[in-house]
Protein backbone atom coordinates (compact mmCIF):
# COMPACT_ATOMS: atom_id res chain seq x y z
CA UNK A 1 7.76 37.42 -55.98
CA UNK A 2 6.15 34.33 -54.50
CA UNK A 3 4.06 32.29 -56.89
CA UNK A 4 0.36 31.98 -55.95
CA UNK A 5 0.56 28.17 -55.61
CA UNK A 6 3.55 28.35 -53.30
CA UNK A 7 1.89 31.08 -51.27
CA UNK A 8 -1.22 28.91 -50.94
CA UNK A 9 0.84 25.92 -49.81
CA UNK A 10 2.75 28.02 -47.26
CA UNK A 11 -0.52 29.50 -46.00
CA UNK A 12 -1.99 26.01 -45.64
CA UNK A 13 1.03 24.73 -43.72
CA UNK A 14 1.04 27.73 -41.37
CA UNK A 15 -2.71 27.44 -40.82
CA UNK A 16 -2.40 23.73 -40.04
CA UNK A 17 0.44 24.35 -37.59
CA UNK A 18 -1.51 27.10 -35.84
CA UNK A 19 -4.54 24.81 -35.62
CA UNK A 20 -2.42 22.01 -34.11
CA UNK A 21 -1.05 24.41 -31.52
CA UNK A 22 -4.03 26.62 -30.69
CA UNK A 23 -7.11 24.52 -31.55
CA UNK A 24 -9.56 24.80 -28.60
CA UNK A 25 -9.69 21.70 -26.35
CA UNK A 26 -7.50 19.55 -28.61
CA UNK A 27 -4.59 21.87 -29.50
CA UNK A 28 -1.14 21.47 -27.98
CA UNK A 29 -1.46 24.73 -26.08
CA UNK A 30 -4.80 23.70 -24.58
CA UNK A 31 -3.38 20.33 -23.59
CA UNK A 32 -0.33 21.99 -22.05
CA UNK A 33 -2.56 24.30 -19.99
CA UNK A 34 -4.67 21.35 -18.80
CA UNK A 35 -1.58 19.34 -17.89
CA UNK A 36 -0.14 22.30 -16.03
CA UNK A 37 -3.37 22.77 -14.10
CA UNK A 38 -3.37 19.05 -13.38
CA UNK A 39 0.19 19.19 -12.07
CA UNK A 40 -0.69 22.11 -9.81
CA UNK A 41 -3.71 20.21 -8.48
CA UNK A 42 -1.56 17.15 -7.79
CA UNK A 43 0.90 19.29 -5.81
CA UNK A 44 -1.98 20.82 -3.83
CA UNK A 45 -3.42 17.41 -3.01
CA UNK A 46 -0.04 15.88 -2.15
CA UNK A 47 0.70 18.82 0.16
CA UNK A 48 -2.66 18.41 1.91
CA UNK A 49 -1.94 14.71 2.43
CA UNK A 50 1.47 15.46 3.92
CA UNK A 51 0.12 18.11 6.28
CA UNK A 52 -2.68 15.78 7.43
CA UNK A 53 -0.16 12.98 7.99
CA UNK A 54 1.93 15.29 10.18
CA UNK A 55 -1.13 16.26 12.23
CA UNK A 56 -2.22 12.62 12.52
CA UNK A 57 1.21 11.69 13.88
CA UNK A 58 1.38 14.79 16.12
CA UNK A 59 4.50 16.23 14.48
CA UNK A 60 5.11 19.73 13.15
CA UNK A 61 4.70 20.35 9.44
CA UNK A 62 7.07 22.93 7.95
CA UNK A 63 8.01 24.33 4.57
CA UNK A 64 11.11 22.14 4.62
CA UNK A 65 9.15 18.94 5.35
CA UNK A 66 6.73 19.68 2.50
CA UNK A 67 9.63 20.39 0.12
CA UNK A 68 11.26 17.11 1.08
CA UNK A 69 8.05 15.10 0.79
CA UNK A 70 7.03 16.55 -2.58
CA UNK A 71 10.59 16.72 -3.97
CA UNK A 72 10.38 20.44 -4.70
CA UNK A 73 12.48 23.41 -3.63
CA UNK A 74 11.72 25.32 -0.43
CA UNK A 75 10.79 28.36 -2.53
CA UNK A 76 8.26 26.29 -4.46
CA UNK A 77 6.96 24.84 -1.19
CA UNK A 78 6.54 28.34 0.24
CA UNK A 79 4.59 29.42 -2.85
CA UNK A 80 2.45 26.30 -2.55
CA UNK A 81 1.66 27.05 1.10
CA UNK A 82 0.68 30.59 0.17
CA UNK A 83 -1.67 29.21 -2.46
CA UNK A 84 -3.23 26.76 0.02
CA UNK A 85 -3.71 29.60 2.49
CA UNK A 86 -5.37 31.76 -0.17
CA UNK A 87 -7.68 28.84 -0.99
CA UNK A 88 -8.68 28.66 2.67
CA UNK A 89 -7.24 25.17 3.13
CA UNK A 90 -4.66 25.94 5.84
CA UNK A 91 -3.58 28.53 8.38
CA UNK A 92 -0.04 29.46 9.34
CA UNK A 93 1.08 29.06 12.97
CA UNK A 94 4.25 30.07 14.81
CA UNK A 95 5.60 26.51 14.64
CA UNK A 96 4.27 25.44 11.25
CA UNK A 97 0.96 25.12 9.42
CA UNK A 98 -2.40 23.54 10.19
CA UNK A 99 -5.30 22.46 7.99
CA UNK A 100 -8.62 24.24 8.16
CA UNK A 101 -11.81 22.18 8.34
CA UNK A 102 -12.13 22.45 4.56
CA UNK A 103 -8.48 21.49 4.06
CA UNK A 104 -8.85 18.48 6.35
CA UNK A 105 -11.97 17.33 4.49
CA UNK A 106 -10.17 17.67 1.14
CA UNK A 107 -7.15 15.72 2.43
CA UNK A 108 -9.32 12.91 3.78
CA UNK A 109 -11.09 12.53 0.43
CA UNK A 110 -7.73 11.99 -1.28
CA UNK A 111 -6.55 9.60 1.44
CA UNK A 112 -9.80 7.62 1.21
CA UNK A 113 -9.35 7.07 -2.54
CA UNK A 114 -5.68 6.11 -2.05
CA UNK A 115 -6.38 3.50 0.60
CA UNK A 116 -9.43 2.09 -1.13
CA UNK A 117 -7.35 1.59 -4.26
CA UNK A 118 -4.62 -0.20 -2.29
CA UNK A 119 -7.27 -2.46 -0.70
CA UNK A 120 -8.65 -3.21 -4.16
CA UNK A 121 -5.20 -4.10 -5.53
CA UNK A 122 -4.48 -6.34 -2.54
CA UNK A 123 -7.78 -8.22 -2.58
CA UNK A 124 -8.81 -8.30 -6.21
CA UNK A 125 -5.61 -8.36 -8.26
CA UNK A 126 -2.22 -10.05 -8.37
CA UNK A 127 -0.30 -6.73 -8.26
CA UNK A 128 2.68 -7.26 -5.88
CA UNK A 129 2.65 -5.37 -2.54
CA UNK A 130 5.63 -3.21 -3.53
CA UNK A 131 3.54 -1.65 -6.33
CA UNK A 132 0.33 -0.90 -4.39
CA UNK A 133 1.46 2.50 -3.13
CA UNK A 134 2.78 3.89 -6.42
CA UNK A 135 -0.37 2.78 -8.25
CA UNK A 136 -2.59 4.39 -5.60
CA UNK A 137 -0.55 7.61 -5.85
CA UNK A 138 -1.82 7.91 -9.43
CA UNK A 139 -5.38 6.71 -8.79
CA UNK A 140 -6.00 9.16 -5.94
CA UNK A 141 -5.77 12.10 -8.34
CA UNK A 142 -7.91 10.54 -11.08
CA UNK A 143 -10.88 8.80 -9.45
CA UNK A 144 -13.95 10.93 -8.83
CA UNK A 145 -15.88 10.72 -5.57
CA UNK A 146 -18.61 8.71 -7.30
CA UNK A 147 -16.07 6.26 -8.74
CA UNK A 148 -14.41 5.88 -5.32
CA UNK A 149 -17.73 5.07 -3.65
CA UNK A 150 -18.56 2.55 -6.36
CA UNK A 151 -15.17 0.92 -5.77
CA UNK A 152 -15.77 0.86 -2.00
CA UNK A 153 -19.11 -0.90 -2.50
CA UNK A 154 -17.50 -3.39 -4.89
CA UNK A 155 -14.88 -4.48 -2.32
CA UNK A 156 -17.21 -4.52 0.67
CA UNK A 157 -16.62 -1.07 2.21
CA UNK A 158 -13.41 -2.04 4.07
CA UNK A 159 -12.25 -0.22 7.20
CA UNK A 160 -8.49 -0.67 6.70
CA UNK A 161 -6.06 -0.77 3.79
CA UNK A 162 -3.64 -3.72 3.41
CA UNK A 163 -0.94 -1.86 5.36
CA UNK A 164 -3.22 -1.51 8.39
CA UNK A 165 -4.02 2.19 7.86
CA UNK A 166 -7.65 3.14 8.58
CA UNK A 167 -9.73 4.18 5.58
CA UNK A 168 -11.58 7.46 6.21
CA UNK A 169 -15.35 7.21 5.97
CA UNK A 170 -17.21 9.12 3.22
CA UNK A 171 -18.07 11.74 5.86
CA UNK A 172 -14.39 12.18 6.78
CA UNK A 173 -14.24 10.26 10.06
CA UNK A 174 -11.04 8.39 10.89
CA UNK A 175 -10.02 6.62 14.14
CA UNK A 176 -7.00 7.91 16.10
CA UNK A 177 -3.61 6.32 15.65
CA UNK A 178 -3.12 3.22 17.84
CA UNK A 179 -0.40 0.70 18.55
CA UNK A 180 3.28 0.89 19.39
CA UNK A 181 6.56 0.32 17.62
CA UNK A 182 7.86 -3.24 17.61
CA UNK A 183 10.81 -1.83 19.56
CA UNK A 184 8.49 -1.26 22.53
CA UNK A 185 8.24 -5.02 23.17
CA UNK A 186 10.37 -6.67 25.83
CA UNK A 187 11.94 -10.09 25.46
CA UNK A 188 9.29 -12.82 25.54
CA UNK A 189 6.34 -10.50 24.85
CA UNK A 190 3.83 -11.33 22.10
CA UNK A 191 2.01 -8.94 19.76
CA UNK A 192 0.12 -8.77 16.47
CA UNK A 193 1.41 -6.59 13.63
CA UNK A 194 -1.27 -3.95 13.05
CA UNK A 195 0.51 -1.68 10.59
CA UNK A 196 3.44 -1.77 8.17
CA UNK A 197 4.58 1.66 6.98
CA UNK A 198 4.96 1.65 3.18
CA UNK A 199 7.36 4.59 2.97
CA UNK A 200 10.25 4.79 2.28
CA UNK A 201 9.75 2.30 -0.51
CA UNK A 202 13.16 0.62 0.01
CA UNK A 203 12.42 -0.09 3.68
CA UNK A 204 8.95 -1.44 2.89
CA UNK A 205 10.41 -3.75 0.24
CA UNK A 206 12.80 -5.23 2.81
CA UNK A 207 9.98 -5.86 5.29
CA UNK A 208 7.84 -7.53 2.63
CA UNK A 209 10.82 -9.65 1.56
CA UNK A 210 10.91 -11.01 5.11
CA UNK A 211 7.34 -12.25 4.66
CA UNK A 212 5.87 -9.82 7.20
CA UNK A 213 2.21 -8.85 6.90
CA UNK A 214 -0.56 -7.18 8.89
CA UNK A 215 -2.14 -9.67 11.30
CA UNK A 216 1.03 -11.73 11.79
CA UNK A 217 1.84 -12.71 15.36
CA UNK A 218 5.35 -11.92 16.60
CA UNK A 219 7.35 -12.57 19.76
CA UNK A 220 10.30 -10.43 20.80
CA UNK A 221 13.48 -12.43 21.40
CA UNK A 222 16.15 -9.77 21.77
CA UNK A 223 16.62 -6.10 20.94
CA UNK A 224 19.72 -3.94 21.05
CA UNK A 225 21.16 -0.88 19.30
CA UNK A 226 22.60 -3.15 16.61
CA UNK A 227 19.79 -5.60 15.85
CA UNK A 228 16.31 -6.79 16.72
CA UNK A 229 15.53 -10.51 16.84
CA UNK A 230 11.93 -11.68 16.92
CA UNK A 231 9.86 -14.69 15.92
CA UNK A 232 7.17 -14.26 13.25
CA UNK A 233 4.87 -17.19 12.51
CA UNK A 234 7.40 -19.22 14.49
CA UNK A 235 10.37 -18.27 12.27
CA UNK A 236 13.22 -16.12 13.63
CA UNK A 237 13.80 -12.78 11.86
CA UNK A 238 16.68 -10.37 12.43
CA UNK A 239 16.33 -6.71 11.40
CA UNK A 240 18.12 -3.43 11.99
CA UNK A 241 16.30 -1.20 14.54
CA UNK A 242 15.72 1.40 11.81
CA UNK A 243 13.62 -1.08 9.84
CA UNK A 244 11.55 -2.26 12.82
CA UNK A 245 10.48 1.33 13.47
CA UNK A 246 8.17 0.86 10.48
CA UNK A 247 6.31 -1.97 12.21
CA UNK A 248 3.43 -1.12 14.55
CA UNK A 249 2.15 -3.81 16.89
CA UNK A 250 -0.59 -4.38 19.45
CA UNK A 251 0.50 -6.46 22.49
CA UNK A 252 -1.57 -9.56 23.26
CA UNK A 253 -2.06 -11.48 26.49
CA UNK A 254 -0.59 -14.89 27.25
CA UNK A 255 -4.03 -16.47 26.77
CA UNK A 256 -4.10 -15.17 23.19
CA UNK A 257 -0.77 -16.71 22.19
CA UNK A 258 -1.40 -18.91 19.18
CA UNK A 259 2.10 -19.64 17.91
CA UNK A 260 4.60 -21.33 20.19
CA UNK A 261 6.83 -23.13 17.69
CA UNK A 262 7.91 -22.72 14.07
CA UNK A 263 5.11 -23.43 11.59
CA UNK A 264 5.64 -25.80 8.71
CA UNK A 265 4.46 -24.83 5.26
CA UNK A 266 2.95 -27.07 2.62
CA UNK A 267 6.12 -26.52 0.57
CA UNK A 268 8.11 -28.41 3.23
CA UNK A 269 6.38 -31.72 2.41
CA UNK A 270 8.42 -34.33 0.62
CA UNK A 271 6.84 -36.41 -2.13
CA UNK A 272 4.52 -38.96 -0.52
CA UNK A 273 4.13 -37.06 2.76
CA UNK A 274 0.76 -35.96 4.08
CA UNK A 275 -0.22 -33.07 6.32
CA UNK A 276 -3.32 -31.37 7.70
CA UNK A 277 -3.99 -27.74 6.85
CA UNK A 278 -3.83 -25.41 9.85
CA UNK A 279 -4.34 -22.05 8.16
CA UNK A 280 -3.59 -19.86 5.15
CA UNK A 281 -1.30 -16.92 5.69
CA UNK A 282 -3.07 -13.55 5.79
CA UNK A 283 -0.54 -12.43 3.22
CA UNK A 284 -2.51 -14.55 0.73
CA UNK A 285 -5.40 -12.31 -0.25
CA UNK A 286 -8.20 -11.81 -2.69
CA UNK A 287 -8.61 -14.04 -5.73
CA UNK A 288 -5.66 -16.28 -4.88
CA UNK A 289 -7.01 -16.95 -1.38
CA UNK A 290 -10.50 -17.66 -2.70
CA UNK A 291 -9.06 -20.00 -5.34
CA UNK A 292 -7.25 -22.04 -2.69
CA UNK A 293 -10.36 -22.28 -0.53
CA UNK A 294 -12.47 -23.29 -3.55
CA UNK A 295 -9.96 -26.08 -4.18
CA UNK A 296 -10.52 -27.34 -0.64
CA UNK A 297 -7.48 -25.79 1.09
CA UNK A 298 -9.23 -25.06 4.39
CA UNK A 299 -8.30 -25.90 8.01
CA UNK A 300 -8.61 -29.64 8.62
CA UNK A 301 -8.09 -30.75 5.00
CA UNK A 302 -5.47 -33.48 4.48
CA UNK A 303 -3.08 -32.84 1.59
CA UNK A 304 -0.45 -35.17 0.12
CA UNK A 305 2.52 -34.16 -2.04
CA UNK A 306 2.32 -36.34 -5.15
CA UNK A 307 4.96 -35.23 -7.69
CA UNK A 308 7.20 -32.38 -8.74
CA UNK A 309 7.45 -30.91 -12.21
CA UNK A 310 10.63 -31.36 -14.22
CA UNK A 311 11.85 -27.94 -13.08
CA UNK A 312 10.94 -28.64 -9.44
CA UNK A 313 8.23 -25.98 -9.36
CA UNK A 314 5.24 -26.28 -9.29
CA UNK A 315 4.45 -29.36 -7.20
CA UNK A 316 1.29 -31.47 -7.64
CA UNK A 317 -0.71 -32.05 -4.44
CA UNK A 318 -3.60 -34.42 -3.83
CA UNK A 319 -6.41 -32.32 -2.37
CA UNK A 320 -9.65 -34.23 -1.74
CA UNK A 321 -8.87 -36.67 -4.53
CA UNK A 322 -7.91 -34.08 -7.12
CA UNK A 323 -4.39 -33.24 -8.29
CA UNK A 324 -3.67 -29.52 -7.96
CA UNK A 325 -0.43 -27.84 -9.06
CA UNK A 326 0.80 -25.13 -6.66
CA UNK A 327 3.89 -23.01 -7.01
CA UNK A 328 6.28 -22.86 -4.07
CA UNK A 329 5.50 -19.21 -3.34
CA UNK A 330 1.85 -20.16 -2.75
CA UNK A 331 2.60 -23.42 -0.92
CA UNK A 332 4.80 -21.44 1.48
CA UNK A 333 1.70 -19.51 2.57
CA UNK A 334 -0.24 -22.63 3.57
CA UNK A 335 0.61 -23.74 7.12
CA UNK A 336 0.28 -27.44 7.88
CA UNK A 337 0.84 -30.05 10.56
CA UNK A 338 2.40 -33.33 9.44
């Protein structure tokens, strides 16, 4: 026979465990249900984004493409499509699926938040470009419409994200896709980079490592099945054709050519040398760009390299009579003429 004290202790332990598991709102079971609902919502929103992206690029969207994009099985993708259809967000066609007006509006809301967040990271933080997309993938499912509009107002209601993708308006308007692949250029033709595709992540990282950015002027030198050679900011770059497919450009006329020879960066100055600032790379954004301009790094300013630190980086530069220490990675983004 169980003693009363032991029975009371056992009852207390069981009661506590049941409370931890089943307590409304805060119990483990309630949290599990919320997380599960959240995961289902994320899958719905990611599927809507993928379907919209297919429509925007004029390619068919299938169960297999959704499974591959969302990293789920084809059976799970089929169930997801059935759910979206039941919700009135898509219709099934002979060659795939298509968003309804409500589904398109929902997708554009998610895309707007994603691209606004990437613009915010690029302009207002020091988060590296390779992390913008993954961070926005999380933010797009968390920010409310009101929070997204507050963010848009904070950063000046931008029209494009840092990759060159248009940001949908609050009413769901978005311009049609423009531009051509870099591979469309012939030898000697000039163009501006208007878009850099940020997926797959490994390809994007390689393009960023080459110093490429939206707004950069390029000139095609040579293209073949094995390699593509082009000049970017006057420097020659060689890439595999597969990588250049992720670069969209807009051809420019001969009168618009601005770069005819390799540009020199501030980092190329030897101690004691002077140079005049021509421009700051568009890859330098947000707070860092504003800091440089506040220090007097603007076109026409004369800068002299004064001394290097013991480690060789940073270097102290004389800018309008003041010594300013700049790291090489930042000095490489300031173009000068000796």
